[in-house]
Amino acid sequence: MKYKLDRGAHSVYSLHYHLIFVVKYRRKVLNHEIIDFLKQKIHEISETFKVEVLAIECDVDHVRILFKAKPTLNIPKYINALKTITSREIKRKFPEVKERLWEKVLWSPSYFLATTGQVTLDVLRKYVESQGGNDAD
């Protein structure tokens, strides 16, 4: 099998990740307008971290991101930035969301992160893309 490899000054790598984070207590607050805004913000934040977003899909209570990164990425810092900035910006732009949250907290403090192999990357991409919510209003 032939891999698509990235290269650094002293490295060759292929690092792909599947990230999921959820609205605290799975409150159903993400509608189509908020999801579009959220996706835009995730792309903007990811650019500053030099992370390539391969797919993003959201449902009314969670977001799934498939991304690739360099080995130098500080993953906890990146995830913290995603959650902190998107929470602040969503609550600023859509203040009505705060009324539907638990103590005005948007994201649960936990998250799921898995590395993916190139063998399953296409399958995982299709899976993430198929996870778009049908219940968003």
N, C-alpha and C. Protein backbone atom coordinates (compact mmCIF):
# COMPACT_ATOMS: atom_id res chain seq x y z
N MET A 1 0.84 -1.18 0.00
CA MET A 1 0.00 0.00 0.00
C MET A 1 0.88 1.24 0.00
N LYS A 2 0.48 2.24 -0.75
CA LYS A 2 1.22 3.48 -0.84
C LYS A 2 0.57 4.54 0.06
N TYR A 3 1.37 5.14 0.94
CA TYR A 3 0.86 6.15 1.86
C TYR A 3 1.13 7.54 1.31
N LYS A 4 0.23 8.49 1.66
CA LYS A 4 0.46 9.89 1.36
C LYS A 4 1.18 10.48 2.56
N LEU A 5 2.42 10.82 2.39
CA LEU A 5 3.25 11.26 3.51
C LEU A 5 3.50 12.75 3.46
N ASP A 6 3.58 13.35 4.64
CA ASP A 6 3.98 14.75 4.78
C ASP A 6 5.43 14.76 5.22
N ARG A 7 6.09 15.87 4.97
CA ARG A 7 7.51 15.96 5.31
C ARG A 7 7.80 17.25 6.07
N GLY A 8 8.68 17.10 7.05
CA GLY A 8 9.19 18.24 7.78
C GLY A 8 10.68 18.33 7.52
N ALA A 9 11.36 19.24 8.18
CA ALA A 9 12.79 19.40 7.98
C ALA A 9 13.56 18.11 8.28
N HIS A 10 13.12 17.39 9.31
CA HIS A 10 13.82 16.18 9.72
C HIS A 10 12.86 15.01 9.95
N SER A 11 11.71 15.05 9.29
CA SER A 11 10.74 13.98 9.54
C SER A 11 9.85 13.72 8.33
N VAL A 12 9.32 12.53 8.30
CA VAL A 12 8.30 12.13 7.35
C VAL A 12 7.17 11.55 8.20
N TYR A 13 5.94 11.96 7.96
CA TYR A 13 4.87 11.57 8.85
C TYR A 13 3.52 11.55 8.13
N SER A 14 2.57 10.94 8.76
CA SER A 14 1.19 10.93 8.32
C SER A 14 0.34 10.87 9.59
N LEU A 15 -0.11 12.02 10.05
CA LEU A 15 -0.83 12.11 11.32
C LEU A 15 -2.25 12.64 11.08
N HIS A 16 -3.21 11.77 11.25
CA HIS A 16 -4.62 12.12 11.07
C HIS A 16 -5.35 11.82 12.38
N TYR A 17 -6.29 12.70 12.73
CA TYR A 17 -6.99 12.58 13.99
C TYR A 17 -8.51 12.72 13.80
N HIS A 18 -9.25 12.06 14.66
CA HIS A 18 -10.70 12.17 14.71
C HIS A 18 -11.03 12.73 16.09
N LEU A 19 -11.63 13.92 16.12
CA LEU A 19 -11.93 14.63 17.36
C LEU A 19 -13.44 14.81 17.49
N ILE A 20 -13.95 14.54 18.68
CA ILE A 20 -15.36 14.79 18.97
C ILE A 20 -15.45 15.55 20.29
N PHE A 21 -16.20 16.64 20.28
CA PHE A 21 -16.55 17.26 21.56
C PHE A 21 -18.04 17.59 21.55
N VAL A 22 -18.61 17.59 22.76
CA VAL A 22 -20.07 17.67 22.89
C VAL A 22 -20.50 18.87 23.72
N VAL A 23 -21.73 19.29 23.48
CA VAL A 23 -22.34 20.34 24.28
C VAL A 23 -22.56 19.76 25.68
N LYS A 24 -22.28 20.57 26.69
CA LYS A 24 -22.42 20.10 28.07
C LYS A 24 -23.83 19.56 28.31
N TYR A 25 -23.89 18.37 28.90
CA TYR A 25 -25.13 17.65 29.16
C TYR A 25 -25.94 17.39 27.89
N ARG A 26 -25.24 17.39 26.78
CA ARG A 26 -25.86 17.09 25.47
C ARG A 26 -27.08 17.96 25.18
N ARG A 27 -27.03 19.21 25.64
CA ARG A 27 -28.11 20.13 25.33
C ARG A 27 -28.16 20.33 23.82
N LYS A 28 -29.33 20.34 23.24
CA LYS A 28 -29.50 20.44 21.79
C LYS A 28 -29.60 21.92 21.40
N VAL A 29 -28.45 22.55 21.24
CA VAL A 29 -28.42 24.00 20.99
C VAL A 29 -27.85 24.39 19.63
N LEU A 30 -27.26 23.44 18.92
CA LEU A 30 -26.62 23.78 17.64
C LEU A 30 -27.63 23.67 16.50
N ASN A 31 -28.05 24.83 15.97
CA ASN A 31 -28.93 24.83 14.81
C ASN A 31 -28.10 25.10 13.56
N HIS A 32 -28.74 25.17 12.40
CA HIS A 32 -28.01 25.32 11.14
C HIS A 32 -27.15 26.59 11.11
N GLU A 33 -27.71 27.69 11.58
CA GLU A 33 -26.97 28.96 11.57
C GLU A 33 -25.73 28.89 12.49
N ILE A 34 -25.90 28.33 13.67
CA ILE A 34 -24.78 28.20 14.60
C ILE A 34 -23.75 27.21 14.05
N ILE A 35 -24.21 26.13 13.45
CA ILE A 35 -23.30 25.13 12.88
C ILE A 35 -22.45 25.74 11.77
N ASP A 36 -23.06 26.54 10.90
CA ASP A 36 -22.29 27.19 9.83
C ASP A 36 -21.22 28.11 10.42
N PHE A 37 -21.61 28.88 11.44
CA PHE A 37 -20.67 29.77 12.12
C PHE A 37 -19.56 28.97 12.80
N LEU A 38 -19.94 27.89 13.48
CA LEU A 38 -18.98 27.02 14.18
C LEU A 38 -17.95 26.45 13.21
N LYS A 39 -18.39 25.96 12.08
CA LYS A 39 -17.48 25.39 11.08
C LYS A 39 -16.49 26.45 10.59
N GLN A 40 -16.99 27.65 10.33
CA GLN A 40 -16.12 28.75 9.89
C GLN A 40 -15.05 29.05 10.94
N LYS A 41 -15.47 29.14 12.21
CA LYS A 41 -14.53 29.44 13.30
C LYS A 41 -13.50 28.32 13.45
N ILE A 42 -13.93 27.07 13.34
CA ILE A 42 -12.99 25.95 13.45
C ILE A 42 -11.94 26.04 12.36
N HIS A 43 -12.34 26.36 11.15
CA HIS A 43 -11.37 26.52 10.05
C HIS A 43 -10.39 27.66 10.35
N GLU A 44 -10.90 28.79 10.84
CA GLU A 44 -10.04 29.94 11.15
C GLU A 44 -9.02 29.59 12.24
N ILE A 45 -9.48 28.98 13.31
CA ILE A 45 -8.60 28.61 14.42
C ILE A 45 -7.56 27.59 13.93
N SER A 46 -8.00 26.64 13.15
CA SER A 46 -7.11 25.59 12.66
C SER A 46 -6.00 26.16 11.79
N GLU A 47 -6.32 27.15 10.98
CA GLU A 47 -5.30 27.80 10.15
C GLU A 47 -4.18 28.39 11.02
N THR A 48 -4.55 29.01 12.13
CA THR A 48 -3.52 29.62 12.99
C THR A 48 -2.61 28.56 13.61
N PHE A 49 -3.12 27.33 13.77
CA PHE A 49 -2.32 26.23 14.31
C PHE A 49 -1.67 25.39 13.21
N LYS A 50 -1.87 25.80 11.94
CA LYS A 50 -1.35 25.06 10.79
C LYS A 50 -1.88 23.62 10.76
N VAL A 51 -3.16 23.50 11.10
CA VAL A 51 -3.87 22.22 11.07
C VAL A 51 -4.75 22.21 9.84
N GLU A 52 -4.74 21.10 9.11
CA GLU A 52 -5.60 20.97 7.93
C GLU A 52 -6.85 20.20 8.32
N VAL A 53 -7.99 20.87 8.24
CA VAL A 53 -9.27 20.23 8.54
C VAL A 53 -9.72 19.48 7.28
N LEU A 54 -9.95 18.18 7.43
CA LEU A 54 -10.36 17.35 6.31
C LEU A 54 -11.88 17.23 6.23
N ALA A 55 -12.55 17.25 7.37
CA ALA A 55 -14.01 17.17 7.41
C ALA A 55 -14.50 17.66 8.77
N ILE A 56 -15.65 18.33 8.75
CA ILE A 56 -16.33 18.75 9.98
C ILE A 56 -17.81 18.44 9.79
N GLU A 57 -18.39 17.80 10.76
CA GLU A 57 -19.84 17.61 10.75
C GLU A 57 -20.35 17.82 12.17
N CYS A 58 -21.54 18.38 12.25
CA CYS A 58 -22.14 18.68 13.54
C CYS A 58 -23.55 18.13 13.59
N ASP A 59 -23.97 17.84 14.79
CA ASP A 59 -25.36 17.53 15.07
C ASP A 59 -25.83 18.57 16.08
N VAL A 60 -27.01 18.46 16.59
CA VAL A 60 -27.54 19.47 17.49
C VAL A 60 -26.80 19.54 18.82
N ASP A 61 -26.01 18.49 19.15
CA ASP A 61 -25.34 18.47 20.47
C ASP A 61 -23.87 18.07 20.43
N HIS A 62 -23.26 17.97 19.25
CA HIS A 62 -21.84 17.64 19.19
C HIS A 62 -21.23 18.01 17.84
N VAL A 63 -19.91 18.00 17.82
CA VAL A 63 -19.16 18.28 16.59
C VAL A 63 -18.10 17.20 16.42
N ARG A 64 -17.89 16.79 15.16
CA ARG A 64 -16.86 15.81 14.80
C ARG A 64 -15.93 16.48 13.80
N ILE A 65 -14.63 16.33 14.04
CA ILE A 65 -13.63 16.93 13.16
C ILE A 65 -12.61 15.87 12.78
N LEU A 66 -12.33 15.77 11.51
CA LEU A 66 -11.25 14.93 11.01
C LEU A 66 -10.18 15.90 10.52
N PHE A 67 -8.96 15.79 11.10
CA PHE A 67 -7.91 16.73 10.74
C PHE A 67 -6.55 16.05 10.66
N LYS A 68 -5.63 16.72 9.96
CA LYS A 68 -4.26 16.24 9.94
C LYS A 68 -3.36 17.36 10.42
N ALA A 69 -2.24 16.96 11.03
CA ALA A 69 -1.37 17.95 11.66
C ALA A 69 0.08 17.50 11.60
N LYS A 70 0.94 18.45 11.92
CA LYS A 70 2.37 18.16 12.02
C LYS A 70 2.66 17.52 13.38
N PRO A 71 3.76 16.81 13.51
CA PRO A 71 4.08 16.21 14.80
C PRO A 71 4.38 17.23 15.89
N THR A 72 4.60 18.47 15.52
CA THR A 72 4.90 19.51 16.50
C THR A 72 3.65 20.15 17.10
N LEU A 73 2.47 19.76 16.61
CA LEU A 73 1.23 20.35 17.13
C LEU A 73 1.05 20.02 18.60
N ASN A 74 0.78 21.03 19.39
CA ASN A 74 0.42 20.85 20.79
C ASN A 74 -1.08 20.57 20.81
N ILE A 75 -1.44 19.30 20.78
CA ILE A 75 -2.84 18.92 20.61
C ILE A 75 -3.75 19.44 21.72
N PRO A 76 -3.40 19.30 23.00
CA PRO A 76 -4.29 19.86 24.04
C PRO A 76 -4.49 21.37 23.89
N LYS A 77 -3.45 22.10 23.50
CA LYS A 77 -3.58 23.54 23.32
C LYS A 77 -4.52 23.85 22.15
N TYR A 78 -4.38 23.08 21.07
CA TYR A 78 -5.25 23.25 19.90
C TYR A 78 -6.71 22.99 20.27
N ILE A 79 -6.98 21.88 20.93
CA ILE A 79 -8.35 21.53 21.31
C ILE A 79 -8.91 22.56 22.27
N ASN A 80 -8.11 23.00 23.24
CA ASN A 80 -8.55 24.03 24.17
C ASN A 80 -8.91 25.32 23.43
N ALA A 81 -8.09 25.69 22.45
CA ALA A 81 -8.38 26.89 21.66
C ALA A 81 -9.69 26.72 20.89
N LEU A 82 -9.89 25.56 20.28
CA LEU A 82 -11.13 25.31 19.55
C LEU A 82 -12.34 25.50 20.47
N LYS A 83 -12.30 24.85 21.62
CA LYS A 83 -13.45 24.88 22.52
C LYS A 83 -13.65 26.26 23.15
N THR A 84 -12.57 26.90 23.58
CA THR A 84 -12.68 28.20 24.25
C THR A 84 -13.15 29.27 23.28
N ILE A 85 -12.52 29.37 22.14
CA ILE A 85 -12.86 30.44 21.19
C ILE A 85 -14.25 30.24 20.60
N THR A 86 -14.57 28.99 20.21
CA THR A 86 -15.90 28.78 19.62
C THR A 86 -16.99 29.03 20.66
N SER A 87 -16.78 28.65 21.90
CA SER A 87 -17.76 28.90 22.95
C SER A 87 -17.98 30.40 23.12
N ARG A 88 -16.91 31.12 23.26
CA ARG A 88 -17.01 32.58 23.46
C ARG A 88 -17.70 33.25 22.28
N GLU A 89 -17.29 32.88 21.06
CA GLU A 89 -17.83 33.54 19.87
C GLU A 89 -19.29 33.16 19.61
N ILE A 90 -19.66 31.91 19.85
CA ILE A 90 -21.06 31.50 19.68
C ILE A 90 -21.95 32.24 20.67
N LYS A 91 -21.52 32.31 21.94
CA LYS A 91 -22.33 33.00 22.95
C LYS A 91 -22.42 34.50 22.68
N ARG A 92 -21.37 35.06 22.07
CA ARG A 92 -21.40 36.48 21.74
C ARG A 92 -22.34 36.74 20.56
N LYS A 93 -22.23 35.93 19.51
CA LYS A 93 -23.03 36.15 18.30
C LYS A 93 -24.47 35.65 18.45
N PHE A 94 -24.67 34.62 19.26
CA PHE A 94 -26.00 34.03 19.45
C PHE A 94 -26.32 34.02 20.96
N PRO A 95 -26.59 35.17 21.56
CA PRO A 95 -26.77 35.24 23.02
C PRO A 95 -27.93 34.38 23.53
N GLU A 96 -28.89 34.09 22.67
CA GLU A 96 -30.02 33.27 23.09
C GLU A 96 -29.59 31.85 23.48
N VAL A 97 -28.44 31.42 23.00
CA VAL A 97 -27.92 30.08 23.32
C VAL A 97 -27.66 29.95 24.83
N LYS A 98 -27.22 31.02 25.45
CA LYS A 98 -26.88 30.97 26.87
C LYS A 98 -28.04 30.52 27.74
N GLU A 99 -29.26 30.84 27.32
CA GLU A 99 -30.44 30.49 28.10
C GLU A 99 -30.73 28.99 28.07
N ARG A 100 -30.17 28.27 27.09
CA ARG A 100 -30.43 26.84 26.94
C ARG A 100 -29.29 25.98 27.45
N LEU A 101 -28.28 26.61 28.02
CA LEU A 101 -27.10 25.89 28.49
C LEU A 101 -27.15 25.70 30.01
N TRP A 102 -26.33 24.78 30.49
CA TRP A 102 -26.18 24.55 31.92
C TRP A 102 -25.15 25.54 32.44
N GLU A 103 -25.57 26.45 33.29
CA GLU A 103 -24.70 27.48 33.86
C GLU A 103 -23.91 28.23 32.79
N LYS A 104 -24.54 28.41 31.63
CA LYS A 104 -23.97 29.16 30.50
C LYS A 104 -22.67 28.56 29.96
N VAL A 105 -22.44 27.27 30.20
CA VAL A 105 -21.25 26.58 29.70
C VAL A 105 -21.64 25.84 28.43
N LEU A 106 -20.93 26.08 27.33
CA LEU A 106 -21.28 25.46 26.05
C LEU A 106 -20.75 24.04 25.94
N TRP A 107 -19.43 23.86 26.03
CA TRP A 107 -18.83 22.54 25.77
C TRP A 107 -18.57 21.77 27.06
N SER A 108 -18.75 20.48 26.98
CA SER A 108 -18.33 19.58 28.06
C SER A 108 -16.81 19.68 28.18
N PRO A 109 -16.25 19.53 29.38
CA PRO A 109 -14.79 19.64 29.51
C PRO A 109 -14.04 18.47 28.86
N SER A 110 -14.72 17.38 28.60
CA SER A 110 -14.05 16.21 28.02
C SER A 110 -14.16 16.22 26.49
N TYR A 111 -13.41 15.34 25.87
CA TYR A 111 -13.47 15.18 24.42
C TYR A 111 -12.97 13.79 24.06
N PHE A 112 -13.24 13.37 22.83
CA PHE A 112 -12.73 12.11 22.30
C PHE A 112 -11.74 12.44 21.21
N LEU A 113 -10.58 11.78 21.23
CA LEU A 113 -9.58 11.97 20.19
C LEU A 113 -8.98 10.62 19.86
N ALA A 114 -8.95 10.29 18.57
CA ALA A 114 -8.34 9.04 18.12
C ALA A 114 -7.46 9.34 16.92
N THR A 115 -6.36 8.62 16.84
CA THR A 115 -5.56 8.70 15.62
C THR A 115 -6.17 7.74 14.61
N THR A 116 -5.96 8.04 13.36
CA THR A 116 -6.50 7.19 12.31
C THR A 116 -5.36 6.75 11.41
N GLY A 117 -5.50 5.58 10.85
CA GLY A 117 -4.51 5.10 9.89
C GLY A 117 -4.94 5.42 8.48
N GLN A 118 -4.01 5.48 7.57
CA GLN A 118 -4.34 5.77 6.18
C GLN A 118 -5.25 4.70 5.59
N VAL A 119 -5.16 3.51 6.08
CA VAL A 119 -5.98 2.43 5.55
C VAL A 119 -7.46 2.75 5.71
N THR A 120 -7.83 3.37 6.84
CA THR A 120 -9.24 3.64 7.10
C THR A 120 -9.61 5.11 6.91
N LEU A 121 -8.72 5.92 6.42
CA LEU A 121 -8.98 7.35 6.32
C LEU A 121 -10.19 7.65 5.43
N ASP A 122 -10.28 7.05 4.26
CA ASP A 122 -11.42 7.31 3.38
C ASP A 122 -12.73 6.84 4.01
N VAL A 123 -12.70 5.70 4.66
CA VAL A 123 -13.88 5.19 5.34
C VAL A 123 -14.28 6.14 6.47
N LEU A 124 -13.30 6.59 7.26
CA LEU A 124 -13.59 7.50 8.36
C LEU A 124 -14.11 8.83 7.84
N ARG A 125 -13.55 9.34 6.76
CA ARG A 125 -14.01 10.61 6.19
C ARG A 125 -15.48 10.49 5.80
N LYS A 126 -15.84 9.40 5.13
CA LYS A 126 -17.24 9.20 4.73
C LYS A 126 -18.13 9.12 5.96
N TYR A 127 -17.64 8.45 7.00
CA TYR A 127 -18.41 8.34 8.24
C TYR A 127 -18.64 9.71 8.85
N VAL A 128 -17.57 10.51 9.00
CA VAL A 128 -17.69 11.83 9.61
C VAL A 128 -18.64 12.70 8.77
N GLU A 129 -18.49 12.66 7.45
CA GLU A 129 -19.35 13.46 6.58
C GLU A 129 -20.81 13.02 6.66
N SER A 130 -21.05 11.76 6.96
CA SER A 130 -22.42 11.26 7.06
C SER A 130 -23.08 11.59 8.38
N GLN A 131 -22.32 12.17 9.33
CA GLN A 131 -22.83 12.41 10.67
C GLN A 131 -23.53 13.75 10.81
N GLY A 132 -23.72 14.49 9.71
CA GLY A 132 -24.44 15.74 9.80
C GLY A 132 -25.83 15.51 10.35
N GLY A 133 -26.23 16.35 11.28
CA GLY A 133 -27.50 16.15 11.97
C GLY A 133 -28.70 16.45 11.09
N ASN A 134 -29.72 15.70 11.26
CA ASN A 134 -30.97 15.94 10.56
C ASN A 134 -31.95 16.68 11.45
N ASP A 135 -31.63 16.80 12.75
CA ASP A 135 -32.55 17.42 13.69
C ASP A 135 -32.29 18.90 13.93
N ALA A 136 -31.23 19.45 13.31
CA ALA A 136 -30.90 20.87 13.56
C ALA A 136 -32.00 21.75 13.00
N ASP A 137 -32.36 22.76 13.75
CA ASP A 137 -33.40 23.71 13.32
C ASP A 137 -32.80 25.01 12.89
